[in-house]
PDB file of N, CA and C in Angstrom:
ATOM      1  N   MET A   1      20.109  67.885 162.867  1.00  0.00           N
ATOM      2  CA  MET A   1      21.507  68.167 162.567  1.00  0.00           C
ATOM      3  C   MET A   1      21.563  68.812 161.187  1.00  0.00           C
ATOM      4  N   SER A   2      22.261  69.921 161.082  1.00  0.00           N
ATOM      5  CA  SER A   2      22.353  70.605 159.802  1.00  0.00           C
ATOM      6  C   SER A   2      23.348  69.902 158.900  1.00  0.00           C
ATOM      7  N   LEU A   3      23.284  70.252 157.619  1.00  0.00           N
ATOM      8  CA  LEU A   3      24.190  69.642 156.642  1.00  0.00           C
ATOM      9  C   LEU A   3      25.635  69.959 156.980  1.00  0.00           C
ATOM     10  N   ARG A   4      25.880  71.207 157.370  1.00  0.00           N
ATOM     11  CA  ARG A   4      27.250  71.601 157.681  1.00  0.00           C
ATOM     12  C   ARG A   4      27.808  70.806 158.864  1.00  0.00           C
ATOM     13  N   SER A   5      27.023  70.675 159.912  1.00  0.00           N
ATOM     14  CA  SER A   5      27.527  69.941 161.071  1.00  0.00           C
ATOM     15  C   SER A   5      27.689  68.458 160.761  1.00  0.00           C
ATOM     16  N   SER A   6      26.821  67.901 159.906  1.00  0.00           N
ATOM     17  CA  SER A   6      26.986  66.497 159.551  1.00  0.00           C
ATOM     18  C   SER A   6      28.230  66.298 158.703  1.00  0.00           C
ATOM     19  N   LEU A   7      28.544  67.258 157.835  1.00  0.00           N
ATOM     20  CA  LEU A   7      29.775  67.164 157.044  1.00  0.00           C
ATOM     21  C   LEU A   7      30.995  67.297 157.935  1.00  0.00           C
ATOM     22  N   GLU A   8      30.940  68.230 158.885  1.00  0.00           N
ATOM     23  CA  GLU A   8      32.070  68.384 159.793  1.00  0.00           C
ATOM     24  C   GLU A   8      32.265  67.120 160.616  1.00  0.00           C
ATOM     25  N   HIS A   9      31.175  66.499 161.026  1.00  0.00           N
ATOM     26  CA  HIS A   9      31.259  65.271 161.809  1.00  0.00           C
ATOM     27  C   HIS A   9      31.848  64.144 160.982  1.00  0.00           C
ATOM     28  N   SER A  10      31.485  64.047 159.695  1.00  0.00           N
ATOM     29  CA  SER A  10      31.953  62.937 158.872  1.00  0.00           C
ATOM     30  C   SER A  10      33.402  63.093 158.443  1.00  0.00           C
ATOM     31  N   THR A  11      33.930  64.331 158.461  1.00  0.00           N
ATOM     32  CA  THR A  11      35.294  64.528 157.996  1.00  0.00           C
ATOM     33  C   THR A  11      36.298  64.606 159.132  1.00  0.00           C
ATOM     34  N   THR A  12      35.828  64.630 160.370  1.00  0.00           N
ATOM     35  CA  THR A  12      36.780  64.655 161.469  1.00  0.00           C
ATOM     36  C   THR A  12      37.311  63.248 161.687  1.00  0.00           C
ATOM     37  N   THR A  13      38.569  63.177 161.986  1.00  0.00           N
ATOM     38  CA  THR A  13      39.182  61.869 162.199  1.00  0.00           C
ATOM     39  C   THR A  13      39.819  61.832 163.576  1.00  0.00           C
ATOM     40  N   ALA A  14      39.723  60.701 164.196  1.00  0.00           N
ATOM     41  CA  ALA A  14      40.337  60.511 165.508  1.00  0.00           C
ATOM     42  C   ALA A  14      41.702  59.877 165.306  1.00  0.00           C
ATOM     43  N   PRO A  15      42.659  60.246 166.142  1.00  0.00           N
ATOM     44  CA  PRO A  15      43.962  59.570 166.050  1.00  0.00           C
ATOM     45  C   PRO A  15      43.791  58.073 166.235  1.00  0.00           C
ATOM     46  N   ILE A  16      44.719  57.324 165.683  1.00  0.00           N
ATOM     47  CA  ILE A  16      44.653  55.864 165.750  1.00  0.00           C
ATOM     48  C   ILE A  16      44.556  55.391 167.195  1.00  0.00           C
ATOM     49  N   GLU A  17      45.276  56.050 168.104  1.00  0.00           N
ATOM     50  CA  GLU A  17      45.269  55.622 169.500  1.00  0.00           C
ATOM     51  C   GLU A  17      43.900  55.800 170.143  1.00  0.00           C
ATOM     52  N   GLN A  18      43.056  56.690 169.599  1.00  0.00           N
ATOM     53  CA  GLN A  18      41.754  56.962 170.202  1.00  0.00           C
ATOM     54  C   GLN A  18      40.622  56.226 169.496  1.00  0.00           C
ATOM     55  N   GLN A  19      40.914  55.226 168.716  1.00  0.00           N
ATOM     56  CA  GLN A  19      39.875  54.454 168.052  1.00  0.00           C
ATOM     57  C   GLN A  19      39.041  53.738 169.108  1.00  0.00           C
ATOM     58  N   PRO A  20      37.750  53.573 168.868  1.00  0.00           N
ATOM     59  CA  PRO A  20      36.895  52.927 169.874  1.00  0.00           C
ATOM     60  C   PRO A  20      37.336  51.492 170.163  1.00  0.00           C
ATOM     61  N   ASP A  21      36.915  50.999 171.299  1.00  0.00           N
ATOM     62  CA  ASP A  21      37.310  49.660 171.733  1.00  0.00           C
ATOM     63  C   ASP A  21      36.387  48.606 171.121  1.00  0.00           C
ATOM     64  N   THR A  22      36.235  48.661 169.795  1.00  0.00           N
ATOM     65  CA  THR A  22      35.459  47.674 169.055  1.00  0.00           C
ATOM     66  C   THR A  22      36.435  46.842 168.245  1.00  0.00           C
ATOM     67  N   LEU A  23      35.951  45.808 167.606  1.00  0.00           N
ATOM     68  CA  LEU A  23      36.833  44.955 166.815  1.00  0.00           C
ATOM     69  C   LEU A  23      37.570  45.740 165.728  1.00  0.00           C
ATOM     70  N   PRO A  24      36.876  46.569 164.915  1.00  0.00           N
ATOM     71  CA  PRO A  24      37.625  47.342 163.910  1.00  0.00           C
ATOM     72  C   PRO A  24      38.642  48.286 164.540  1.00  0.00           C
ATOM     73  N   GLY A  25      38.276  48.899 165.672  1.00  0.00           N
ATOM     74  CA  GLY A  25      39.210  49.791 166.352  1.00  0.00           C
ATOM     75  C   GLY A  25      40.443  49.053 166.840  1.00  0.00           C
ATOM     76  N   LYS A  26      40.226  47.865 167.398  1.00  0.00           N
ATOM     77  CA  LYS A  26      41.346  47.051 167.865  1.00  0.00           C
ATOM     78  C   LYS A  26      42.231  46.625 166.700  1.00  0.00           C
ATOM     79  N   MET A  27      41.601  46.285 165.570  1.00  0.00           N
ATOM     80  CA  MET A  27      42.386  45.865 164.399  1.00  0.00           C
ATOM     81  C   MET A  27      43.244  47.017 163.887  1.00  0.00           C
ATOM     82  N   ILE A  28      42.668  48.211 163.811  1.00  0.00           N
ATOM     83  CA  ILE A  28      43.421  49.375 163.341  1.00  0.00           C
ATOM     84  C   ILE A  28      44.585  49.667 164.276  1.00  0.00           C
ATOM     85  N   ARG A  29      44.341  49.646 165.584  1.00  0.00           N
ATOM     86  CA  ARG A  29      45.430  49.896 166.532  1.00  0.00           C
ATOM     87  C   ARG A  29      46.520  48.840 166.391  1.00  0.00           C
ATOM     88  N   GLY A  30      46.127  47.581 166.216  1.00  0.00           N
ATOM     89  CA  GLY A  30      47.122  46.517 166.066  1.00  0.00           C
ATOM     90  C   GLY A  30      47.934  46.676 164.794  1.00  0.00           C
ATOM     91  N   LEU A  31      47.269  46.985 163.691  1.00  0.00           N
ATOM     92  CA  LEU A  31      47.981  47.172 162.428  1.00  0.00           C
ATOM     93  C   LEU A  31      48.891  48.395 162.461  1.00  0.00           C
ATOM     94  N   SER A  32      48.492  49.419 163.196  1.00  0.00           N
ATOM     95  CA  SER A  32      49.276  50.651 163.205  1.00  0.00           C
ATOM     96  C   SER A  32      50.619  50.482 163.904  1.00  0.00           C
ATOM     97  N   THR A  33      50.813  49.381 164.605  1.00  0.00           N
ATOM     98  CA  THR A  33      52.103  49.178 165.262  1.00  0.00           C
ATOM     99  C   THR A  33      53.208  48.840 164.265  1.00  0.00           C
ATOM    100  N   PHE A  34      52.855  48.281 163.100  1.00  0.00           N
ATOM    101  CA  PHE A  34      53.891  47.932 162.135  1.00  0.00           C
ATOM    102  C   PHE A  34      53.573  48.372 160.715  1.00  0.00           C
ATOM    103  N   LEU A  35      52.414  48.946 160.472  1.00  0.00           N
ATOM    104  CA  LEU A  35      52.058  49.459 159.151  1.00  0.00           C
ATOM    105  C   LEU A  35      51.632  50.915 159.269  1.00  0.00           C
ATOM    106  N   PRO A  36      51.906  51.715 158.234  1.00  0.00           N
ATOM    107  CA  PRO A  36      51.406  53.098 158.276  1.00  0.00           C
ATOM    108  C   PRO A  36      49.905  53.112 158.006  1.00  0.00           C
ATOM    109  N   VAL A  37      49.105  53.247 159.036  1.00  0.00           N
ATOM    110  CA  VAL A  37      47.654  53.239 158.927  1.00  0.00           C
ATOM    111  C   VAL A  37      47.147  54.638 159.257  1.00  0.00           C
ATOM    112  N   TRP A  38      46.249  55.153 158.426  1.00  0.00           N
ATOM    113  CA  TRP A  38      45.645  56.443 158.710  1.00  0.00           C
ATOM    114  C   TRP A  38      44.191  56.406 158.282  1.00  0.00           C
ATOM    115  N   LYS A  39      43.420  57.288 158.868  1.00  0.00           N
ATOM    116  CA  LYS A  39      42.004  57.352 158.572  1.00  0.00           C
ATOM    117  C   LYS A  39      41.780  58.523 157.617  1.00  0.00           C
ATOM    118  N   LEU A  40      41.136  58.249 156.487  1.00  0.00           N
ATOM    119  CA  LEU A  40      40.885  59.282 155.488  1.00  0.00           C
ATOM    120  C   LEU A  40      39.495  59.870 155.664  1.00  0.00           C
ATOM    121  N   SER A  41      39.371  61.123 155.292  1.00  0.00           N
ATOM    122  CA  SER A  41      38.035  61.710 155.255  1.00  0.00           C
ATOM    123  C   SER A  41      37.313  61.149 154.029  1.00  0.00           C
ATOM    124  N   ASP A  42      36.009  61.323 153.978  1.00  0.00           N
ATOM    125  CA  ASP A  42      35.229  60.823 152.849  1.00  0.00           C
ATOM    126  C   ASP A  42      35.717  61.420 151.534  1.00  0.00           C
ATOM    127  N   GLU A  43      36.019  62.718 151.551  1.00  0.00           N
ATOM    128  CA  GLU A  43      36.466  63.391 150.325  1.00  0.00           C
ATOM    129  C   GLU A  43      37.821  62.853 149.862  1.00  0.00           C
ATOM    130  N   ASP A  44      38.736  62.647 150.808  1.00  0.00           N
ATOM    131  CA  ASP A  44      40.054  62.111 150.455  1.00  0.00           C
ATOM    132  C   ASP A  44      39.935  60.694 149.901  1.00  0.00           C
ATOM    133  N   TYR A  45      39.047  59.895 150.495  1.00  0.00           N
ATOM    134  CA  TYR A  45      38.857  58.518 150.046  1.00  0.00           C
ATOM    135  C   TYR A  45      38.278  58.496 148.630  1.00  0.00           C
ATOM    136  N   MET A  46      37.297  59.357 148.366  1.00  0.00           N
ATOM    137  CA  MET A  46      36.709  59.423 147.022  1.00  0.00           C
ATOM    138  C   MET A  46      37.745  59.877 146.002  1.00  0.00           C
ATOM    139  N   ALA A  47      38.580  60.846 146.366  1.00  0.00           N
ATOM    140  CA  ALA A  47      39.627  61.307 145.453  1.00  0.00           C
ATOM    141  C   ALA A  47      40.603  60.173 145.153  1.00  0.00           C
ATOM    142  N   LEU A  48      40.956  59.402 146.161  1.00  0.00           N
ATOM    143  CA  LEU A  48      41.859  58.270 145.974  1.00  0.00           C
ATOM    144  C   LEU A  48      41.227  57.220 145.070  1.00  0.00           C
ATOM    145  N   LEU A  49      39.943  56.922 145.286  1.00  0.00           N
ATOM    146  CA  LEU A  49      39.252  55.942 144.446  1.00  0.00           C
ATOM    147  C   LEU A  49      39.144  56.421 143.002  1.00  0.00           C
ATOM    148  N   MET A  50      38.861  57.696 142.799  1.00  0.00           N
ATOM    149  CA  MET A  50      38.741  58.232 141.438  1.00  0.00           C
ATOM    150  C   MET A  50      40.086  58.182 140.723  1.00  0.00           C
ATOM    151  N   LYS A  51      41.178  58.435 141.443  1.00  0.00           N
ATOM    152  CA  LYS A  51      42.510  58.344 140.838  1.00  0.00           C
ATOM    153  C   LYS A  51      42.793  56.903 140.424  1.00  0.00           C
ATOM    154  N   LYS A  52      42.485  55.958 141.306  1.00  0.00           N
ATOM    155  CA  LYS A  52      42.706  54.550 140.976  1.00  0.00           C
ATOM    156  C   LYS A  52      41.831  54.119 139.805  1.00  0.00           C
ATOM    157  N   LYS A  53      40.589  54.609 139.764  1.00  0.00           N
ATOM    158  CA  LYS A  53      39.694  54.285 138.665  1.00  0.00           C
ATOM    159  C   LYS A  53      40.266  54.798 137.349  1.00  0.00           C
ATOM    160  N   GLY A  54      40.806  56.002 137.356  1.00  0.00           N
ATOM    161  CA  GLY A  54      41.435  56.551 136.159  1.00  0.00           C
ATOM    162  C   GLY A  54      42.629  55.721 135.716  1.00  0.00           C
ATOM    163  N   ASP A  55      43.440  55.277 136.676  1.00  0.00           N
ATOM    164  CA  ASP A  55      44.596  54.433 136.355  1.00  0.00           C
ATOM    165  C   ASP A  55      44.150  53.115 135.733  1.00  0.00           C
ATOM    166  N   VAL A  56      43.101  52.512 136.282  1.00  0.00           N
ATOM    167  CA  VAL A  56      42.598  51.235 135.753  1.00  0.00           C
ATOM    168  C   VAL A  56      42.037  51.420 134.344  1.00  0.00           C
ATOM    169  N   GLU A  57      41.265  52.483 134.142  1.00  0.00           N
ATOM    170  CA  GLU A  57      40.702  52.732 132.815  1.00  0.00           C
ATOM    171  C   GLU A  57      41.799  52.981 131.783  1.00  0.00           C
ATOM    172  N   ARG A  58      42.839  53.714 132.171  1.00  0.00           N
ATOM    173  CA  ARG A  58      43.962  53.958 131.261  1.00  0.00           C
ATOM    174  C   ARG A  58      44.646  52.646 130.903  1.00  0.00           C
ATOM    175  N   ARG A  59      44.871  51.794 131.896  1.00  0.00           N
ATOM    176  CA  ARG A  59      45.530  50.508 131.649  1.00  0.00           C
ATOM    177  C   ARG A  59      44.666  49.603 130.772  1.00  0.00           C
ATOM    178  N   LEU A  60      43.340  49.617 130.977  1.00  0.00           N
ATOM    179  CA  LEU A  60      42.455  48.809 130.131  1.00  0.00           C
ATOM    180  C   LEU A  60      42.513  49.261 128.673  1.00  0.00           C
ATOM    181  N   LYS A  61      42.613  50.560 128.444  1.00  0.00           N
ATOM    182  CA  LYS A  61      42.735  51.063 127.072  1.00  0.00           C
ATOM    183  C   LYS A  61      44.059  50.617 126.458  1.00  0.00           C
ATOM    184  N   GLU A  62      45.133  50.648 127.254  1.00  0.00           N
ATOM    185  CA  GLU A  62      46.428  50.174 126.759  1.00  0.00           C
ATOM    186  C   GLU A  62      46.355  48.697 126.392  1.00  0.00           C
ATOM    187  N   ILE A  63      45.703  47.904 127.207  1.00  0.00           N
ATOM    188  CA  ILE A  63      45.567  46.467 126.940  1.00  0.00           C
ATOM    189  C   ILE A  63      44.742  46.241 125.684  1.00  0.00           C
ATOM    190  N   GLU A  64      43.691  47.018 125.499  1.00  0.00           N
ATOM    191  CA  GLU A  64      42.858  46.884 124.300  1.00  0.00           C
ATOM    192  C   GLU A  64      43.663  47.183 123.035  1.00  0.00           C
ATOM    193  N   VAL A  65      44.474  48.225 123.070  1.00  0.00           N
ATOM    194  CA  VAL A  65      45.317  48.559 121.921  1.00  0.00           C
ATOM    195  C   VAL A  65      46.325  47.441 121.670  1.00  0.00           C
ATOM    196  N   GLU A  66      46.892  46.920 122.731  1.00  0.00           N
ATOM    197  CA  GLU A  66      47.865  45.829 122.614  1.00  0.00           C
ATOM    198  C   GLU A  66      47.208  44.580 122.022  1.00  0.00           C
ATOM    199  N   GLU A  67      45.996  44.261 122.453  1.00  0.00           N
ATOM    200  CA  GLU A  67      45.281  43.107 121.911  1.00  0.00           C
ATOM    201  C   GLU A  67      44.995  43.291 120.421  1.00  0.00           C
ATOM    202  N   MET A  68      44.593  44.484 120.044  1.00  0.00           N
ATOM    203  CA  MET A  68      44.319  44.756 118.627  1.00  0.00           C
ATOM    204  C   MET A  68      45.597  44.596 117.794  1.00  0.00           C
ATOM    205  N   ARG A  69      46.704  45.059 118.316  1.00  0.00           N
ATOM    206  CA  ARG A  69      47.987  44.930 117.618  1.00  0.00           C
ATOM    207  C   ARG A  69      48.345  43.451 117.455  1.00  0.00           C
ATOM    208  N   ILE A  70      48.133  42.648 118.497  1.00  0.00           N
ATOM    209  CA  ILE A  70      48.435  41.225 118.431  1.00  0.00           C
ATOM    210  C   ILE A  70      47.490  40.541 117.440  1.00  0.00           C
ATOM    211  N   PHE A  71      46.209  40.877 117.517  1.00  0.00           N
ATOM    212  CA  PHE A  71      45.224  40.280 116.625  1.00  0.00           C
ATOM    213  C   PHE A  71      45.534  40.604 115.165  1.00  0.00           C
ATOM    214  N   GLU A  72      45.872  41.859 114.881  1.00  0.00           N
ATOM    215  CA  GLU A  72      46.205  42.263 113.515  1.00  0.00           C
ATOM    216  C   GLU A  72      47.463  41.568 113.035  1.00  0.00           C
ATOM    217  N   GLY A  73      48.434  41.359 113.933  1.00  0.00           N
ATOM    218  CA  GLY A  73      49.671  40.675 113.565  1.00  0.00           C
ATOM    219  C   GLY A  73      49.460  39.209 113.280  1.00  0.00           C
ATOM    220  N   SER A  74      48.525  38.572 113.968  1.00  0.00           N
ATOM    221  CA  SER A  74      48.273  37.147 113.755  1.00  0.00           C
ATOM    222  C   SER A  74      47.385  36.913 112.549  1.00  0.00           C
ATOM    223  N   ALA A  75      46.629  37.921 112.120  1.00  0.00           N
ATOM    224  CA  ALA A  75      45.736  37.779 110.982  1.00  0.00           C
ATOM    225  C   ALA A  75      46.513  37.841 109.655  1.00  0.00           C
ATOM    226  N   LYS A  76      47.704  38.364 109.663  1.00  0.00           N
ATOM    227  CA  LYS A  76      48.488  38.497 108.417  1.00  0.00           C
ATOM    228  C   LYS A  76      49.182  37.222 108.050  1.00  0.00           C
TER     229      LYS A  76
END
């Protein structure tokens, strides 16, 4: 299998109704009846994770600055 065909295979998504009749497939179909469930491609999932990672890192920096401000205020 060439790299291109393996990438095309990994990024294709099946509709929720066509999920295989395995436990994860059954769970996805069941959840999709009342929750918005969708299957992401690998690239979309990585982009989502990187965005969340950036948000977490930004928040950790804010917390660090806040802790320093509190520490400096209590030291006086």
